[in-house]
Amino acid sequence: MKRAILAGAGVAAVLLFASQQAKAEWLCGENRCVWVSYDVDEPAYALAWGPPARPSCFWKQGVFGRWKPICP
């Protein structure tokens, strides 16, 4: 009986932590934005970007001011 209760509590704890999304945002510098796993003040233009396709992806500002995703 104790094992069943402990197992149920363990599963509930895992589900609780799995359902919470980690706070991650784009951290932007002069002409480059990178994805970070902590809370930062995101610029307005980066709010709609969403997470990167791969961990190595970032956004870079081009010569004419437009932002473009770079995925090396």
PDB file of N, CA and C in Angstrom:
ATOM      1  N   MET A   1       0.829  -1.197   0.000  1.00  0.00           N
ATOM      2  CA  MET A   1       0.000   0.000   0.000  1.00  0.00           C
ATOM      3  C   MET A   1       0.871   1.258   0.000  1.00  0.00           C
ATOM      4  N   LYS A   2       1.927   1.234   0.833  1.00  0.00           N
ATOM      5  CA  LYS A   2       2.807   2.406   0.889  1.00  0.00           C
ATOM      6  C   LYS A   2       3.514   2.630  -0.438  1.00  0.00           C
ATOM      7  N   ARG A   3       3.917   1.524  -1.077  1.00  0.00           N
ATOM      8  CA  ARG A   3       4.584   1.647  -2.366  1.00  0.00           C
ATOM      9  C   ARG A   3       3.678   2.279  -3.416  1.00  0.00           C
ATOM     10  N   ALA A   4       2.420   1.895  -3.402  1.00  0.00           N
ATOM     11  CA  ALA A   4       1.470   2.446  -4.363  1.00  0.00           C
ATOM     12  C   ALA A   4       1.289   3.937  -4.144  1.00  0.00           C
ATOM     13  N   ILE A   5       1.234   4.352  -2.898  1.00  0.00           N
ATOM     14  CA  ILE A   5       1.074   5.778  -2.588  1.00  0.00           C
ATOM     15  C   ILE A   5       2.328   6.546  -3.006  1.00  0.00           C
ATOM     16  N   LEU A   6       3.495   6.007  -2.674  1.00  0.00           N
ATOM     17  CA  LEU A   6       4.742   6.667  -3.051  1.00  0.00           C
ATOM     18  C   LEU A   6       4.913   6.729  -4.560  1.00  0.00           C
ATOM     19  N   ALA A   7       4.553   5.661  -5.251  1.00  0.00           N
ATOM     20  CA  ALA A   7       4.647   5.650  -6.708  1.00  0.00           C
ATOM     21  C   ALA A   7       3.707   6.690  -7.316  1.00  0.00           C
ATOM     22  N   GLY A   8       2.492   6.769  -6.791  1.00  0.00           N
ATOM     23  CA  GLY A   8       1.526   7.757  -7.270  1.00  0.00           C
ATOM     24  C   GLY A   8       2.005   9.173  -7.040  1.00  0.00           C
ATOM     25  N   ALA A   9       2.630   9.405  -5.881  1.00  0.00           N
ATOM     26  CA  ALA A   9       3.156  10.738  -5.575  1.00  0.00           C
ATOM     27  C   ALA A   9       4.323  11.076  -6.506  1.00  0.00           C
ATOM     28  N   GLY A  10       5.146  10.085  -6.804  1.00  0.00           N
ATOM     29  CA  GLY A  10       6.270  10.310  -7.723  1.00  0.00           C
ATOM     30  C   GLY A  10       5.796  10.659  -9.116  1.00  0.00           C
ATOM     31  N   VAL A  11       4.796   9.938  -9.590  1.00  0.00           N
ATOM     32  CA  VAL A  11       4.235  10.215 -10.918  1.00  0.00           C
ATOM     33  C   VAL A  11       3.601  11.599 -10.948  1.00  0.00           C
ATOM     34  N   ALA A  12       2.892  11.964  -9.895  1.00  0.00           N
ATOM     35  CA  ALA A  12       2.267  13.285  -9.838  1.00  0.00           C
ATOM     36  C   ALA A  12       3.319  14.389  -9.860  1.00  0.00           C
ATOM     37  N   ALA A  13       4.426  14.195  -9.160  1.00  0.00           N
ATOM     38  CA  ALA A  13       5.492  15.201  -9.144  1.00  0.00           C
ATOM     39  C   ALA A  13       6.125  15.351 -10.522  1.00  0.00           C
ATOM     40  N   VAL A  14       6.346  14.239 -11.204  1.00  0.00           N
ATOM     41  CA  VAL A  14       6.925  14.291 -12.548  1.00  0.00           C
ATOM     42  C   VAL A  14       5.981  15.006 -13.506  1.00  0.00           C
ATOM     43  N   LEU A  15       4.705  14.702 -13.440  1.00  0.00           N
ATOM     44  CA  LEU A  15       3.727  15.355 -14.313  1.00  0.00           C
ATOM     45  C   LEU A  15       3.625  16.843 -14.022  1.00  0.00           C
ATOM     46  N   LEU A  16       3.723  17.211 -12.765  1.00  0.00           N
ATOM     47  CA  LEU A  16       3.654  18.624 -12.399  1.00  0.00           C
ATOM     48  C   LEU A  16       4.811  19.393 -13.003  1.00  0.00           C
ATOM     49  N   PHE A  17       6.023  18.865 -12.869  1.00  0.00           N
ATOM     50  CA  PHE A  17       7.189  19.553 -13.418  1.00  0.00           C
ATOM     51  C   PHE A  17       7.227  19.486 -14.935  1.00  0.00           C
ATOM     52  N   ALA A  18       6.748  18.423 -15.531  1.00  0.00           N
ATOM     53  CA  ALA A  18       6.759  18.296 -16.991  1.00  0.00           C
ATOM     54  C   ALA A  18       5.757  19.236 -17.636  1.00  0.00           C
ATOM     55  N   SER A  19       4.664  19.522 -16.944  1.00  0.00           N
ATOM     56  CA  SER A  19       3.637  20.369 -17.539  1.00  0.00           C
ATOM     57  C   SER A  19       3.995  21.851 -17.456  1.00  0.00           C
ATOM     58  N   GLN A  20       4.931  22.230 -16.590  1.00  0.00           N
ATOM     59  CA  GLN A  20       5.337  23.621 -16.483  1.00  0.00           C
ATOM     60  C   GLN A  20       6.374  23.930 -17.557  1.00  0.00           C
ATOM     61  N   GLN A  21       6.104  24.930 -18.351  1.00  0.00           N
ATOM     62  CA  GLN A  21       7.047  25.308 -19.389  1.00  0.00           C
ATOM     63  C   GLN A  21       8.180  26.129 -18.789  1.00  0.00           C
ATOM     64  N   ALA A  22       9.374  25.843 -19.212  1.00  0.00           N
ATOM     65  CA  ALA A  22      10.519  26.632 -18.764  1.00  0.00           C
ATOM     66  C   ALA A  22      10.461  28.001 -19.428  1.00  0.00           C
ATOM     67  N   LYS A  23      10.795  29.018 -18.676  1.00  0.00           N
ATOM     68  CA  LYS A  23      10.801  30.370 -19.217  1.00  0.00           C
ATOM     69  C   LYS A  23      12.062  30.550 -20.051  1.00  0.00           C
ATOM     70  N   ALA A  24      11.896  30.845 -21.298  1.00  0.00           N
ATOM     71  CA  ALA A  24      13.030  31.063 -22.199  1.00  0.00           C
ATOM     72  C   ALA A  24      12.637  32.144 -23.193  1.00  0.00           C
ATOM     73  N   GLU A  25      13.575  32.978 -23.512  1.00  0.00           N
ATOM     74  CA  GLU A  25      13.288  34.102 -24.400  1.00  0.00           C
ATOM     75  C   GLU A  25      14.505  34.443 -25.252  1.00  0.00           C
ATOM     76  N   TRP A  26      14.305  35.368 -26.179  1.00  0.00           N
ATOM     77  CA  TRP A  26      15.387  35.860 -27.027  1.00  0.00           C
ATOM     78  C   TRP A  26      16.103  37.003 -26.312  1.00  0.00           C
ATOM     79  N   LEU A  27      17.410  36.865 -26.169  1.00  0.00           N
ATOM     80  CA  LEU A  27      18.251  37.916 -25.603  1.00  0.00           C
ATOM     81  C   LEU A  27      18.926  38.613 -26.774  1.00  0.00           C
ATOM     82  N   CYS A  28      18.648  39.900 -26.947  1.00  0.00           N
ATOM     83  CA  CYS A  28      19.122  40.615 -28.126  1.00  0.00           C
ATOM     84  C   CYS A  28      20.190  41.636 -27.773  1.00  0.00           C
ATOM     85  N   GLY A  29      21.201  41.656 -28.619  1.00  0.00           N
ATOM     86  CA  GLY A  29      22.270  42.644 -28.511  1.00  0.00           C
ATOM     87  C   GLY A  29      22.147  43.641 -29.643  1.00  0.00           C
ATOM     88  N   GLU A  30      23.270  44.187 -30.046  1.00  0.00           N
ATOM     89  CA  GLU A  30      23.291  45.206 -31.101  1.00  0.00           C
ATOM     90  C   GLU A  30      22.691  44.713 -32.417  1.00  0.00           C
ATOM     91  N   ASN A  31      23.137  43.560 -32.904  1.00  0.00           N
ATOM     92  CA  ASN A  31      22.630  43.048 -34.188  1.00  0.00           C
ATOM     93  C   ASN A  31      22.461  41.535 -34.195  1.00  0.00           C
ATOM     94  N   ARG A  32      22.267  40.941 -33.005  1.00  0.00           N
ATOM     95  CA  ARG A  32      22.112  39.486 -32.916  1.00  0.00           C
ATOM     96  C   ARG A  32      21.250  39.128 -31.718  1.00  0.00           C
ATOM     97  N   CYS A  33      20.365  38.152 -31.890  1.00  0.00           N
ATOM     98  CA  CYS A  33      19.520  37.671 -30.806  1.00  0.00           C
ATOM     99  C   CYS A  33      19.751  36.177 -30.622  1.00  0.00           C
ATOM    100  N   VAL A  34      19.970  35.753 -29.388  1.00  0.00           N
ATOM    101  CA  VAL A  34      20.185  34.341 -29.082  1.00  0.00           C
ATOM    102  C   VAL A  34      19.133  33.871 -28.091  1.00  0.00           C
ATOM    103  N   TRP A  35      18.827  32.576 -28.119  1.00  0.00           N
ATOM    104  CA  TRP A  35      17.824  31.965 -27.260  1.00  0.00           C
ATOM    105  C   TRP A  35      18.460  31.637 -25.920  1.00  0.00           C
ATOM    106  N   VAL A  36      17.893  32.124 -24.833  1.00  0.00           N
ATOM    107  CA  VAL A  36      18.394  31.842 -23.490  1.00  0.00           C
ATOM    108  C   VAL A  36      17.306  31.171 -22.673  1.00  0.00           C
ATOM    109  N   SER A  37      17.702  30.414 -21.674  1.00  0.00           N
ATOM    110  CA  SER A  37      16.737  29.648 -20.872  1.00  0.00           C
ATOM    111  C   SER A  37      16.361  30.354 -19.582  1.00  0.00           C
ATOM    112  N   TYR A  38      16.424  31.666 -19.564  1.00  0.00           N
ATOM    113  CA  TYR A  38      16.019  32.428 -18.384  1.00  0.00           C
ATOM    114  C   TYR A  38      15.230  33.648 -18.839  1.00  0.00           C
ATOM    115  N   ASP A  39      14.593  34.303 -17.895  1.00  0.00           N
ATOM    116  CA  ASP A  39      13.695  35.410 -18.190  1.00  0.00           C
ATOM    117  C   ASP A  39      14.481  36.696 -18.451  1.00  0.00           C
ATOM    118  N   VAL A  40      14.261  37.292 -19.608  1.00  0.00           N
ATOM    119  CA  VAL A  40      14.869  38.575 -19.963  1.00  0.00           C
ATOM    120  C   VAL A  40      13.781  39.480 -20.527  1.00  0.00           C
ATOM    121  N   ASP A  41      14.076  40.754 -20.643  1.00  0.00           N
ATOM    122  CA  ASP A  41      13.145  41.688 -21.284  1.00  0.00           C
ATOM    123  C   ASP A  41      13.342  41.587 -22.789  1.00  0.00           C
ATOM    124  N   GLU A  42      12.412  40.896 -23.430  1.00  0.00           N
ATOM    125  CA  GLU A  42      12.485  40.710 -24.880  1.00  0.00           C
ATOM    126  C   GLU A  42      12.055  41.985 -25.591  1.00  0.00           C
ATOM    127  N   PRO A  43      12.748  42.370 -26.661  1.00  0.00           N
ATOM    128  CA  PRO A  43      12.272  43.509 -27.449  1.00  0.00           C
ATOM    129  C   PRO A  43      10.959  43.167 -28.150  1.00  0.00           C
ATOM    130  N   ALA A  44      10.192  44.175 -28.471  1.00  0.00           N
ATOM    131  CA  ALA A  44       8.872  43.963 -29.072  1.00  0.00           C
ATOM    132  C   ALA A  44       8.947  43.175 -30.371  1.00  0.00           C
ATOM    133  N   TYR A  45       9.977  43.420 -31.187  1.00  0.00           N
ATOM    134  CA  TYR A  45      10.068  42.729 -32.471  1.00  0.00           C
ATOM    135  C   TYR A  45      10.373  41.245 -32.312  1.00  0.00           C
ATOM    136  N   ALA A  46      10.866  40.787 -31.166  1.00  0.00           N
ATOM    137  CA  ALA A  46      11.209  39.380 -30.962  1.00  0.00           C
ATOM    138  C   ALA A  46      10.092  38.576 -30.298  1.00  0.00           C
ATOM    139  N   LEU A  47       9.020  39.216 -29.897  1.00  0.00           N
ATOM    140  CA  LEU A  47       7.950  38.523 -29.179  1.00  0.00           C
ATOM    141  C   LEU A  47       7.274  37.442 -30.009  1.00  0.00           C
ATOM    142  N   ALA A  48       7.173  37.617 -31.303  1.00  0.00           N
ATOM    143  CA  ALA A  48       6.451  36.668 -32.160  1.00  0.00           C
ATOM    144  C   ALA A  48       7.355  35.606 -32.782  1.00  0.00           C
ATOM    145  N   TRP A  49       8.638  35.603 -32.496  1.00  0.00           N
ATOM    146  CA  TRP A  49       9.552  34.681 -33.161  1.00  0.00           C
ATOM    147  C   TRP A  49       9.389  33.238 -32.726  1.00  0.00           C
ATOM    148  N   GLY A  50       9.135  32.973 -31.482  1.00  0.00           N
ATOM    149  CA  GLY A  50       9.037  31.591 -31.003  1.00  0.00           C
ATOM    150  C   GLY A  50      10.419  30.975 -30.833  1.00  0.00           C
ATOM    151  N   PRO A  51      10.461  29.734 -30.372  1.00  0.00           N
ATOM    152  CA  PRO A  51      11.765  29.093 -30.137  1.00  0.00           C
ATOM    153  C   PRO A  51      12.482  28.758 -31.447  1.00  0.00           C
ATOM    154  N   PRO A  52      13.799  28.592 -31.395  1.00  0.00           N
ATOM    155  CA  PRO A  52      14.548  28.274 -32.611  1.00  0.00           C
ATOM    156  C   PRO A  52      14.308  26.845 -33.077  1.00  0.00           C
ATOM    157  N   ALA A  53      14.545  26.608 -34.350  1.00  0.00           N
ATOM    158  CA  ALA A  53      14.367  25.270 -34.926  1.00  0.00           C
ATOM    159  C   ALA A  53      15.403  24.287 -34.378  1.00  0.00           C
ATOM    160  N   ARG A  54      16.615  24.766 -34.165  1.00  0.00           N
ATOM    161  CA  ARG A  54      17.706  23.961 -33.594  1.00  0.00           C
ATOM    162  C   ARG A  54      18.424  24.797 -32.544  1.00  0.00           C
ATOM    163  N   PRO A  55      19.128  24.166 -31.619  1.00  0.00           N
ATOM    164  CA  PRO A  55      19.822  24.934 -30.570  1.00  0.00           C
ATOM    165  C   PRO A  55      20.862  25.916 -31.098  1.00  0.00           C
ATOM    166  N   SER A  56      21.414  25.670 -32.265  1.00  0.00           N
ATOM    167  CA  SER A  56      22.452  26.559 -32.793  1.00  0.00           C
ATOM    168  C   SER A  56      21.891  27.764 -33.557  1.00  0.00           C
ATOM    169  N   CYS A  57      20.586  27.840 -33.723  1.00  0.00           N
ATOM    170  CA  CYS A  57      19.974  28.929 -34.496  1.00  0.00           C
ATOM    171  C   CYS A  57      19.944  30.239 -33.705  1.00  0.00           C
ATOM    172  N   PHE A  58      20.011  31.336 -34.434  1.00  0.00           N
ATOM    173  CA  PHE A  58      19.903  32.667 -33.842  1.00  0.00           C
ATOM    174  C   PHE A  58      19.340  33.608 -34.897  1.00  0.00           C
ATOM    175  N   TRP A  59      18.998  34.821 -34.487  1.00  0.00           N
ATOM    176  CA  TRP A  59      18.522  35.846 -35.408  1.00  0.00           C
ATOM    177  C   TRP A  59      19.616  36.886 -35.568  1.00  0.00           C
ATOM    178  N   LYS A  60      19.810  37.364 -36.794  1.00  0.00           N
ATOM    179  CA  LYS A  60      20.830  38.368 -37.073  1.00  0.00           C
ATOM    180  C   LYS A  60      20.202  39.489 -37.883  1.00  0.00           C
ATOM    181  N   GLN A  61      20.578  40.700 -37.545  1.00  0.00           N
ATOM    182  CA  GLN A  61      20.064  41.858 -38.273  1.00  0.00           C
ATOM    183  C   GLN A  61      20.928  42.099 -39.492  1.00  0.00           C
ATOM    184  N   GLY A  62      20.269  42.201 -40.645  1.00  0.00           N
ATOM    185  CA  GLY A  62      20.977  42.397 -41.896  1.00  0.00           C
ATOM    186  C   GLY A  62      21.408  43.841 -42.104  1.00  0.00           C
ATOM    187  N   VAL A  63      22.028  44.080 -43.240  1.00  0.00           N
ATOM    188  CA  VAL A  63      22.561  45.399 -43.585  1.00  0.00           C
ATOM    189  C   VAL A  63      21.459  46.455 -43.637  1.00  0.00           C
ATOM    190  N   PHE A  64      20.289  46.070 -44.129  1.00  0.00           N
ATOM    191  CA  PHE A  64      19.192  47.023 -44.280  1.00  0.00           C
ATOM    192  C   PHE A  64      18.238  47.036 -43.087  1.00  0.00           C
ATOM    193  N   GLY A  65      18.632  46.398 -41.965  1.00  0.00           N
ATOM    194  CA  GLY A  65      17.834  46.456 -40.741  1.00  0.00           C
ATOM    195  C   GLY A  65      16.840  45.334 -40.535  1.00  0.00           C
ATOM    196  N   ARG A  66      16.676  44.467 -41.516  1.00  0.00           N
ATOM    197  CA  ARG A  66      15.721  43.356 -41.373  1.00  0.00           C
ATOM    198  C   ARG A  66      16.374  42.217 -40.608  1.00  0.00           C
ATOM    199  N   TRP A  67      15.578  41.542 -39.753  1.00  0.00           N
ATOM    200  CA  TRP A  67      16.067  40.420 -38.968  1.00  0.00           C
ATOM    201  C   TRP A  67      15.834  39.139 -39.745  1.00  0.00           C
ATOM    202  N   LYS A  68      16.822  38.241 -39.751  1.00  0.00           N
ATOM    203  CA  LYS A  68      16.674  36.958 -40.460  1.00  0.00           C
ATOM    204  C   LYS A  68      17.228  35.835 -39.590  1.00  0.00           C
ATOM    205  N   PRO A  69      16.561  34.672 -39.626  1.00  0.00           N
ATOM    206  CA  PRO A  69      17.036  33.537 -38.832  1.00  0.00           C
ATOM    207  C   PRO A  69      18.257  32.897 -39.496  1.00  0.00           C
ATOM    208  N   ILE A  70      19.252  32.554 -38.699  1.00  0.00           N
ATOM    209  CA  ILE A  70      20.469  31.891 -39.155  1.00  0.00           C
ATOM    210  C   ILE A  70      20.558  30.559 -38.400  1.00  0.00           C
ATOM    211  N   CYS A  71      20.656  29.466 -39.144  1.00  0.00           N
ATOM    212  CA  CYS A  71      20.765  28.141 -38.532  1.00  0.00           C
ATOM    213  C   CYS A  71      21.987  27.406 -39.095  1.00  0.00           C
ATOM    214  N   PRO A  72      23.152  27.611 -38.454  1.00  0.00           N
ATOM    215  CA  PRO A  72      24.370  26.959 -38.956  1.00  0.00           C
ATOM    216  C   PRO A  72      24.369  25.453 -38.695  1.00  0.00           C
TER     217      PRO A  72
END
